[in-house]
Amino acid sequence: MNLNDLPGAELILPGLDDLQGEKANTVGSLLVAIASTCADA
């Protein structure tokens, strides 16, 4: 499976990179943070 083929990949993948680079205030990183809290529910 290629993650680039998934819906929203253009926002999520850069967000993951941002979080890894400790940039937690970008749109992508915030989307990843929101999604991670939904996965815990």
N, C-alpha and C. Protein backbone atom coordinates (compact mmCIF):
# COMPACT_ATOMS: atom_id res chain seq x y z
N MET A 1 0.85 -1.17 0.00
CA MET A 1 0.00 0.00 0.00
C MET A 1 0.90 1.24 0.00
N ASN A 2 0.58 2.17 -0.86
CA ASN A 2 1.32 3.43 -0.95
C ASN A 2 0.51 4.50 -0.23
N LEU A 3 1.09 5.10 0.79
CA LEU A 3 0.37 6.12 1.57
C LEU A 3 0.00 7.34 0.74
N ASN A 4 0.76 7.62 -0.32
CA ASN A 4 0.46 8.77 -1.17
C ASN A 4 -0.86 8.62 -1.91
N ASP A 5 -1.36 7.40 -2.02
CA ASP A 5 -2.62 7.15 -2.73
C ASP A 5 -3.85 7.35 -1.84
N LEU A 6 -3.66 7.50 -0.55
CA LEU A 6 -4.79 7.65 0.37
C LEU A 6 -5.35 9.06 0.34
N PRO A 7 -6.66 9.22 0.58
CA PRO A 7 -7.25 10.55 0.63
C PRO A 7 -6.63 11.38 1.75
N GLY A 8 -6.30 12.61 1.45
CA GLY A 8 -5.74 13.52 2.45
C GLY A 8 -4.25 13.40 2.64
N ALA A 9 -3.61 12.54 1.87
CA ALA A 9 -2.17 12.32 2.02
C ALA A 9 -1.38 13.61 1.83
N GLU A 10 -1.86 14.50 0.99
CA GLU A 10 -1.14 15.75 0.73
C GLU A 10 -1.10 16.66 1.96
N LEU A 11 -1.96 16.40 2.94
CA LEU A 11 -1.94 17.16 4.20
C LEU A 11 -1.31 16.36 5.34
N ILE A 12 -1.63 15.07 5.39
CA ILE A 12 -1.20 14.24 6.52
C ILE A 12 0.29 13.92 6.48
N LEU A 13 0.81 13.55 5.32
CA LEU A 13 2.23 13.17 5.25
C LEU A 13 3.15 14.34 5.61
N PRO A 14 2.92 15.55 5.09
CA PRO A 14 3.75 16.67 5.56
C PRO A 14 3.55 16.95 7.05
N GLY A 15 2.35 16.70 7.55
CA GLY A 15 2.08 16.90 8.97
C GLY A 15 2.90 15.94 9.83
N LEU A 16 3.04 14.71 9.38
CA LEU A 16 3.88 13.76 10.10
C LEU A 16 5.34 14.21 10.10
N ASP A 17 5.79 14.71 8.95
CA ASP A 17 7.16 15.25 8.86
C ASP A 17 7.34 16.44 9.79
N ASP A 18 6.33 17.30 9.85
CA ASP A 18 6.40 18.47 10.73
C ASP A 18 6.51 18.05 12.19
N LEU A 19 5.71 17.08 12.59
CA LEU A 19 5.76 16.61 13.98
C LEU A 19 7.11 15.98 14.30
N GLN A 20 7.65 15.25 13.35
CA GLN A 20 8.96 14.64 13.57
C GLN A 20 10.03 15.73 13.70
N GLY A 21 9.84 16.83 12.98
CA GLY A 21 10.78 17.95 13.06
C GLY A 21 10.44 18.94 14.15
N GLU A 22 9.54 18.54 15.05
CA GLU A 22 9.12 19.35 16.20
C GLU A 22 8.46 20.68 15.81
N LYS A 23 7.77 20.68 14.67
CA LYS A 23 6.95 21.84 14.28
C LYS A 23 5.49 21.46 14.51
N ALA A 24 4.99 21.77 15.70
CA ALA A 24 3.66 21.32 16.09
C ALA A 24 2.56 22.33 15.79
N ASN A 25 2.87 23.42 15.11
CA ASN A 25 1.84 24.44 14.88
C ASN A 25 1.53 24.63 13.40
N THR A 26 1.74 23.62 12.59
CA THR A 26 1.37 23.69 11.18
C THR A 26 0.00 23.04 10.98
N VAL A 27 -0.63 23.34 9.87
CA VAL A 27 -1.95 22.77 9.59
C VAL A 27 -1.87 21.24 9.57
N GLY A 28 -0.89 20.71 8.87
CA GLY A 28 -0.75 19.26 8.77
C GLY A 28 -0.51 18.60 10.12
N SER A 29 0.37 19.18 10.92
CA SER A 29 0.66 18.57 12.23
C SER A 29 -0.56 18.62 13.14
N LEU A 30 -1.34 19.68 13.06
CA LEU A 30 -2.55 19.77 13.87
C LEU A 30 -3.60 18.75 13.42
N LEU A 31 -3.70 18.51 12.11
CA LEU A 31 -4.62 17.49 11.62
C LEU A 31 -4.22 16.11 12.13
N VAL A 32 -2.93 15.83 12.12
CA VAL A 32 -2.45 14.54 12.63
C VAL A 32 -2.76 14.42 14.12
N ALA A 33 -2.57 15.50 14.86
CA ALA A 33 -2.84 15.49 16.30
C ALA A 33 -4.32 15.25 16.58
N ILE A 34 -5.17 15.88 15.80
CA ILE A 34 -6.62 15.68 15.97
C ILE A 34 -7.00 14.23 15.65
N ALA A 35 -6.46 13.71 14.57
CA ALA A 35 -6.77 12.34 14.18
C ALA A 35 -6.27 11.33 15.21
N SER A 36 -5.16 11.62 15.83
CA SER A 36 -4.61 10.67 16.80
C SER A 36 -5.51 10.59 18.04
N THR A 37 -6.17 11.67 18.40
CA THR A 37 -7.07 11.62 19.56
C THR A 37 -8.34 10.85 19.20
N CYS A 38 -8.76 10.88 17.94
CA CYS A 38 -9.94 10.12 17.51
C CYS A 38 -9.66 8.63 17.53
N ALA A 39 -8.44 8.24 17.26
CA ALA A 39 -8.08 6.82 17.23
C ALA A 39 -8.10 6.22 18.64
N ASP A 40 -7.93 7.06 19.65
CA ASP A 40 -7.94 6.57 21.03
C ASP A 40 -9.35 6.31 21.56
N ALA A 41 -10.33 6.86 20.91
CA ALA A 41 -11.71 6.75 21.42
C ALA A 41 -12.31 5.39 21.20
